[in-house]
């Protein structure tokens, strides 16, 4: 499955419209990013029910700043619109597959309950 290039214009709609979204924040000058790219691409072919997206941090500086990306590569995972994982650094293929499976197993209703409880206590 091809990855989606994200920008400030389509970030929210992509995250909100898809059940599971995995995002790779990268830059062309970043050697770890270049090493991670084929791992990420291979995972996208194994998990066709997941939306794989990329943010070029050089091209999308405003989006990267808004999401407080300070180190690349950074991976974010969203389940039903909720951010459930964020980590800087490379993930080996097996770890990436494990992460994806764990994100898929999360209960969207429980995530909503947790978010509502956090809002109420704030």
N, C-alpha and C. Protein backbone atom coordinates (compact mmCIF):
# COMPACT_ATOMS: atom_id res chain seq x y z
N UNK A 1 0.84 -1.17 0.00
CA UNK A 1 0.00 0.00 0.00
C UNK A 1 0.89 1.25 0.00
N UNK A 2 0.56 2.21 -0.81
CA UNK A 2 1.34 3.44 -0.89
C UNK A 2 1.13 4.28 0.36
N UNK A 3 2.17 5.02 0.72
CA UNK A 3 2.05 5.90 1.88
C UNK A 3 1.45 7.23 1.45
N UNK A 4 0.80 7.88 2.40
CA UNK A 4 0.16 9.17 2.17
C UNK A 4 1.11 10.26 2.64
N UNK A 5 1.35 11.26 1.81
CA UNK A 5 2.15 12.41 2.21
C UNK A 5 1.25 13.36 2.98
N UNK A 6 1.61 13.65 4.22
CA UNK A 6 0.79 14.53 5.04
C UNK A 6 1.33 15.95 5.05
N UNK A 7 0.39 16.87 5.18
CA UNK A 7 0.71 18.30 5.27
C UNK A 7 -0.26 18.90 6.29
N UNK A 8 -0.13 20.19 6.54
CA UNK A 8 -1.07 20.84 7.45
C UNK A 8 -2.49 20.75 6.90
N UNK A 9 -2.64 20.70 5.58
CA UNK A 9 -3.96 20.67 4.95
C UNK A 9 -4.68 19.34 5.14
N UNK A 10 -3.97 18.22 5.15
CA UNK A 10 -4.65 16.92 5.19
C UNK A 10 -4.35 16.10 6.44
N UNK A 11 -3.59 16.64 7.38
CA UNK A 11 -3.22 15.87 8.57
C UNK A 11 -4.46 15.44 9.37
N UNK A 12 -5.25 16.40 9.81
CA UNK A 12 -6.41 16.10 10.66
C UNK A 12 -7.42 15.21 9.95
N UNK A 13 -7.70 15.51 8.70
CA UNK A 13 -8.70 14.70 7.98
C UNK A 13 -8.21 13.26 7.80
N UNK A 14 -6.93 13.07 7.59
CA UNK A 14 -6.38 11.71 7.44
C UNK A 14 -6.47 10.95 8.76
N UNK A 15 -6.06 11.60 9.84
CA UNK A 15 -6.09 10.95 11.16
C UNK A 15 -7.54 10.64 11.57
N UNK A 16 -8.45 11.56 11.31
CA UNK A 16 -9.84 11.39 11.73
C UNK A 16 -10.61 10.39 10.87
N UNK A 17 -10.25 10.26 9.61
CA UNK A 17 -11.04 9.43 8.68
C UNK A 17 -10.59 7.97 8.63
N UNK A 18 -9.50 7.63 9.31
CA UNK A 18 -8.97 6.28 9.24
C UNK A 18 -8.86 5.67 10.63
N UNK A 19 -9.11 4.37 10.70
CA UNK A 19 -9.12 3.66 11.97
C UNK A 19 -7.74 3.63 12.63
N UNK A 20 -6.73 3.20 11.88
CA UNK A 20 -5.36 3.16 12.39
C UNK A 20 -4.47 3.91 11.41
N UNK A 21 -3.75 4.89 11.94
CA UNK A 21 -2.83 5.70 11.12
C UNK A 21 -1.47 5.67 11.77
N UNK A 22 -0.48 5.31 10.98
CA UNK A 22 0.92 5.32 11.42
C UNK A 22 1.62 6.41 10.63
N UNK A 23 2.36 7.28 11.33
CA UNK A 23 3.01 8.41 10.67
C UNK A 23 4.50 8.38 10.94
N UNK A 24 5.28 8.50 9.88
CA UNK A 24 6.74 8.58 9.94
C UNK A 24 7.14 10.02 9.65
N UNK A 25 7.78 10.67 10.62
CA UNK A 25 8.33 12.01 10.42
C UNK A 25 9.80 11.83 10.05
N UNK A 26 10.20 12.41 8.92
CA UNK A 26 11.52 12.14 8.35
C UNK A 26 12.06 13.36 7.62
N UNK A 27 13.31 13.26 7.18
CA UNK A 27 13.92 14.27 6.31
C UNK A 27 14.94 13.56 5.42
N UNK A 28 15.14 14.10 4.24
CA UNK A 28 16.05 13.48 3.27
C UNK A 28 17.50 13.45 3.70
N UNK A 29 17.91 14.34 4.57
CA UNK A 29 19.30 14.38 5.02
C UNK A 29 19.56 13.47 6.22
N UNK A 30 18.52 12.85 6.75
CA UNK A 30 18.60 12.05 7.99
C UNK A 30 18.93 10.59 7.67
N UNK A 31 20.14 10.17 8.00
CA UNK A 31 20.55 8.79 7.71
C UNK A 31 19.68 7.74 8.40
N UNK A 32 19.36 7.90 9.69
CA UNK A 32 18.45 6.91 10.31
C UNK A 32 17.09 6.87 9.61
N UNK A 33 16.62 8.02 9.15
CA UNK A 33 15.35 8.06 8.42
C UNK A 33 15.43 7.23 7.14
N UNK A 34 16.55 7.34 6.44
CA UNK A 34 16.73 6.61 5.19
C UNK A 34 16.84 5.11 5.45
N UNK A 35 17.43 4.73 6.59
CA UNK A 35 17.52 3.31 6.94
C UNK A 35 16.14 2.77 7.34
N UNK A 36 15.31 3.63 7.95
CA UNK A 36 13.99 3.20 8.39
C UNK A 36 13.00 3.11 7.23
N UNK A 37 13.19 3.90 6.19
CA UNK A 37 12.23 3.98 5.08
C UNK A 37 11.85 2.61 4.50
N UNK A 38 12.81 1.72 4.17
CA UNK A 38 12.39 0.42 3.62
C UNK A 38 11.66 -0.46 4.64
N UNK A 39 12.00 -0.34 5.91
CA UNK A 39 11.30 -1.10 6.96
C UNK A 39 9.84 -0.65 7.00
N UNK A 40 9.63 0.65 6.96
CA UNK A 40 8.28 1.24 6.99
C UNK A 40 7.49 0.83 5.75
N UNK A 41 8.13 0.90 4.59
CA UNK A 41 7.46 0.53 3.34
C UNK A 41 7.06 -0.94 3.33
N UNK A 42 7.96 -1.81 3.83
CA UNK A 42 7.64 -3.24 3.88
C UNK A 42 6.46 -3.51 4.81
N UNK A 43 6.43 -2.81 5.94
CA UNK A 43 5.32 -2.98 6.88
C UNK A 43 4.00 -2.57 6.24
N UNK A 44 4.04 -1.53 5.41
CA UNK A 44 2.80 -1.08 4.76
C UNK A 44 2.22 -2.15 3.85
N UNK A 45 3.08 -2.99 3.29
CA UNK A 45 2.57 -4.06 2.42
C UNK A 45 2.01 -5.23 3.23
N UNK A 46 2.43 -5.35 4.49
CA UNK A 46 1.92 -6.43 5.35
C UNK A 46 0.65 -6.03 6.10
N UNK A 47 0.41 -4.74 6.24
CA UNK A 47 -0.73 -4.26 7.03
C UNK A 47 -1.59 -3.34 6.17
N UNK A 48 -2.32 -3.95 5.24
CA UNK A 48 -3.10 -3.17 4.29
C UNK A 48 -4.31 -2.48 4.93
N UNK A 49 -4.64 -2.87 6.16
CA UNK A 49 -5.77 -2.24 6.85
C UNK A 49 -5.34 -1.02 7.67
N UNK A 50 -4.07 -0.64 7.56
CA UNK A 50 -3.51 0.51 8.27
C UNK A 50 -3.16 1.59 7.25
N UNK A 51 -3.42 2.84 7.59
CA UNK A 51 -3.00 3.96 6.75
C UNK A 51 -1.59 4.36 7.16
N UNK A 52 -0.66 4.23 6.24
CA UNK A 52 0.73 4.61 6.46
C UNK A 52 0.94 5.98 5.84
N UNK A 53 1.47 6.89 6.64
CA UNK A 53 1.67 8.25 6.17
C UNK A 53 3.07 8.71 6.52
N UNK A 54 3.52 9.75 5.81
CA UNK A 54 4.84 10.32 6.05
C UNK A 54 4.72 11.83 6.08
N UNK A 55 5.56 12.44 6.92
CA UNK A 55 5.67 13.89 6.97
C UNK A 55 7.13 14.24 6.74
N UNK A 56 7.39 14.94 5.64
CA UNK A 56 8.73 15.45 5.35
C UNK A 56 8.91 16.69 6.22
N UNK A 57 9.72 16.57 7.26
CA UNK A 57 9.85 17.65 8.23
C UNK A 57 10.49 18.90 7.64
N UNK A 58 11.23 18.76 6.57
CA UNK A 58 11.82 19.92 5.90
C UNK A 58 10.74 20.69 5.13
N UNK A 59 9.87 19.94 4.46
CA UNK A 59 8.82 20.54 3.65
C UNK A 59 7.64 21.02 4.50
N UNK A 60 7.40 20.34 5.61
CA UNK A 60 6.24 20.63 6.47
C UNK A 60 6.71 21.11 7.85
N UNK A 61 7.48 22.19 7.86
CA UNK A 61 8.05 22.69 9.11
C UNK A 61 6.99 23.17 10.08
N UNK A 62 5.93 23.80 9.59
CA UNK A 62 4.87 24.28 10.48
C UNK A 62 4.17 23.11 11.18
N UNK A 63 3.87 22.07 10.42
CA UNK A 63 3.21 20.89 10.99
C UNK A 63 4.14 20.21 11.99
N UNK A 64 5.40 20.06 11.63
CA UNK A 64 6.37 19.44 12.54
C UNK A 64 6.51 20.23 13.83
N UNK A 65 6.54 21.54 13.72
CA UNK A 65 6.65 22.39 14.91
C UNK A 65 5.39 22.28 15.77
N UNK A 66 4.23 22.27 15.14
CA UNK A 66 2.97 22.18 15.88
C UNK A 66 2.88 20.86 16.65
N UNK A 67 3.47 19.81 16.10
CA UNK A 67 3.44 18.50 16.76
C UNK A 67 4.67 18.26 17.63
N UNK A 68 5.48 19.32 17.77
CA UNK A 68 6.67 19.28 18.62
C UNK A 68 7.63 18.15 18.26
N UNK A 69 7.88 18.00 16.96
CA UNK A 69 8.85 17.01 16.50
C UNK A 69 10.24 17.62 16.66
N UNK A 70 11.05 17.04 17.54
CA UNK A 70 12.38 17.57 17.79
C UNK A 70 13.48 16.59 17.41
N UNK A 71 13.11 15.37 17.08
CA UNK A 71 14.07 14.35 16.70
C UNK A 71 13.43 13.48 15.63
N UNK A 72 14.24 13.09 14.65
CA UNK A 72 13.72 12.22 13.58
C UNK A 72 14.66 11.04 13.39
N UNK A 73 14.11 9.91 12.94
CA UNK A 73 12.70 9.69 12.66
C UNK A 73 11.89 9.64 13.96
N UNK A 74 10.66 10.09 13.86
CA UNK A 74 9.68 9.94 14.93
C UNK A 74 8.49 9.21 14.34
N UNK A 75 7.97 8.26 15.10
CA UNK A 75 6.79 7.51 14.69
C UNK A 75 5.64 7.89 15.61
N UNK A 76 4.49 8.17 15.02
CA UNK A 76 3.26 8.39 15.78
C UNK A 76 2.23 7.38 15.28
N UNK A 77 1.41 6.90 16.22
CA UNK A 77 0.32 6.00 15.85
C UNK A 77 -0.97 6.57 16.43
N UNK A 78 -2.00 6.55 15.60
CA UNK A 78 -3.33 7.02 16.00
C UNK A 78 -4.32 5.87 15.84
N UNK A 79 -5.22 5.75 16.82
CA UNK A 79 -6.30 4.77 16.75
C UNK A 79 -7.60 5.55 16.91
N UNK A 80 -8.43 5.50 15.89
CA UNK A 80 -9.72 6.20 15.90
C UNK A 80 -9.57 7.68 16.26
N UNK A 81 -8.51 8.30 15.74
CA UNK A 81 -8.28 9.72 15.95
C UNK A 81 -7.51 10.07 17.21
N UNK A 82 -7.21 9.09 18.05
CA UNK A 82 -6.49 9.33 19.30
C UNK A 82 -5.02 8.96 19.15
N UNK A 83 -4.13 9.84 19.59
CA UNK A 83 -2.71 9.54 19.60
C UNK A 83 -2.46 8.50 20.68
N UNK A 84 -1.93 7.34 20.28
CA UNK A 84 -1.71 6.26 21.24
C UNK A 84 -0.25 5.85 21.35
N UNK A 85 0.60 6.38 20.47
CA UNK A 85 2.02 6.05 20.51
C UNK A 85 2.81 7.16 19.85
N UNK A 86 3.96 7.46 20.46
CA UNK A 86 4.87 8.45 19.90
C UNK A 86 6.26 8.10 20.37
N UNK A 87 7.19 7.93 19.42
CA UNK A 87 8.55 7.59 19.79
C UNK A 87 9.52 8.07 18.72
N UNK A 88 10.62 8.64 19.17
CA UNK A 88 11.69 9.01 18.26
C UNK A 88 12.65 7.83 18.15
N UNK A 89 13.20 7.65 16.96
CA UNK A 89 14.19 6.60 16.75
C UNK A 89 13.69 5.49 15.85
N UNK A 90 14.65 4.71 15.38
CA UNK A 90 14.34 3.58 14.50
C UNK A 90 13.62 2.46 15.23
N UNK A 91 12.72 1.83 14.55
CA UNK A 91 12.11 0.60 15.03
C UNK A 91 12.45 -0.51 14.05
N UNK A 92 12.98 -1.62 14.52
CA UNK A 92 13.18 -2.77 13.62
C UNK A 92 11.83 -3.29 13.13
N UNK A 93 11.84 -4.00 12.02
CA UNK A 93 10.61 -4.49 11.41
C UNK A 93 9.71 -5.27 12.35
N UNK A 94 10.29 -6.19 13.14
CA UNK A 94 9.47 -6.99 14.06
C UNK A 94 8.83 -6.12 15.13
N UNK A 95 9.55 -5.14 15.63
CA UNK A 95 9.00 -4.22 16.64
C UNK A 95 7.89 -3.36 16.05
N UNK A 96 8.08 -2.93 14.81
CA UNK A 96 7.06 -2.13 14.13
C UNK A 96 5.79 -2.96 13.95
N UNK A 97 5.93 -4.20 13.52
CA UNK A 97 4.76 -5.08 13.36
C UNK A 97 4.05 -5.29 14.69
N UNK A 98 4.82 -5.47 15.77
CA UNK A 98 4.24 -5.65 17.10
C UNK A 98 3.48 -4.40 17.54
N UNK A 99 4.06 -3.24 17.29
CA UNK A 99 3.39 -1.98 17.61
C UNK A 99 2.06 -1.88 16.87
N UNK A 100 2.08 -2.16 15.58
CA UNK A 100 0.87 -2.07 14.76
C UNK A 100 -0.22 -2.99 15.30
N UNK A 101 0.14 -4.21 15.65
CA UNK A 101 -0.85 -5.15 16.18
C UNK A 101 -1.43 -4.65 17.51
N UNK A 102 -0.58 -4.09 18.36
CA UNK A 102 -1.07 -3.56 19.64
C UNK A 102 -2.01 -2.38 19.43
N UNK A 103 -1.70 -1.52 18.48
CA UNK A 103 -2.57 -0.38 18.19
C UNK A 103 -3.93 -0.87 17.66
N UNK A 104 -3.90 -1.88 16.80
CA UNK A 104 -5.15 -2.43 16.26
C UNK A 104 -6.03 -3.02 17.36
N UNK A 105 -5.40 -3.57 18.41
CA UNK A 105 -6.15 -4.22 19.49
C UNK A 105 -6.80 -3.23 20.45
N UNK A 106 -6.38 -1.96 20.42
CA UNK A 106 -6.94 -0.97 21.33
C UNK A 106 -8.42 -0.76 21.06
N UNK A 107 -9.19 -0.62 22.13
CA UNK A 107 -10.63 -0.42 22.04
C UNK A 107 -10.93 1.07 21.87
N UNK A 108 -11.48 1.47 20.73
CA UNK A 108 -11.78 2.88 20.49
C UNK A 108 -12.72 3.48 21.54
N UNK A 109 -13.67 2.70 22.03
CA UNK A 109 -14.60 3.21 23.04
C UNK A 109 -13.87 3.49 24.35
N UNK A 110 -12.91 2.65 24.70
CA UNK A 110 -12.12 2.88 25.91
C UNK A 110 -11.25 4.13 25.75
N UNK A 111 -10.68 4.31 24.57
CA UNK A 111 -9.89 5.52 24.31
C UNK A 111 -10.75 6.77 24.47
N UNK A 112 -11.98 6.71 23.97
CA UNK A 112 -12.90 7.85 24.10
C UNK A 112 -13.22 8.11 25.57
N UNK A 113 -13.47 7.05 26.33
CA UNK A 113 -13.76 7.21 27.76
C UNK A 113 -12.57 7.86 28.49
N UNK A 114 -11.37 7.41 28.17
CA UNK A 114 -10.18 7.97 28.80
C UNK A 114 -10.01 9.44 28.45
N UNK A 115 -10.23 9.78 27.17
CA UNK A 115 -10.10 11.18 26.74
C UNK A 115 -11.16 12.05 27.43
N UNK A 116 -12.38 11.55 27.52
CA UNK A 116 -13.45 12.29 28.18
C UNK A 116 -13.11 12.51 29.66
N UNK A 117 -12.60 11.48 30.31
CA UNK A 117 -12.24 11.59 31.73
C UNK A 117 -11.12 12.62 31.94
N UNK A 118 -10.16 12.64 31.02
CA UNK A 118 -9.08 13.62 31.12
C UNK A 118 -9.61 15.04 30.96
N UNK A 119 -10.52 15.24 30.01
CA UNK A 119 -11.11 16.57 29.79
C UNK A 119 -11.89 17.02 31.03
N UNK A 120 -12.62 16.10 31.63
CA UNK A 120 -13.43 16.44 32.80
C UNK A 120 -12.57 16.81 34.00
N UNK A 121 -11.42 16.18 34.13
CA UNK A 121 -10.56 16.43 35.29
C UNK A 121 -9.66 17.65 35.08
N UNK A 122 -9.61 18.17 33.86
CA UNK A 122 -8.74 19.32 33.59
C UNK A 122 -9.36 20.63 34.01
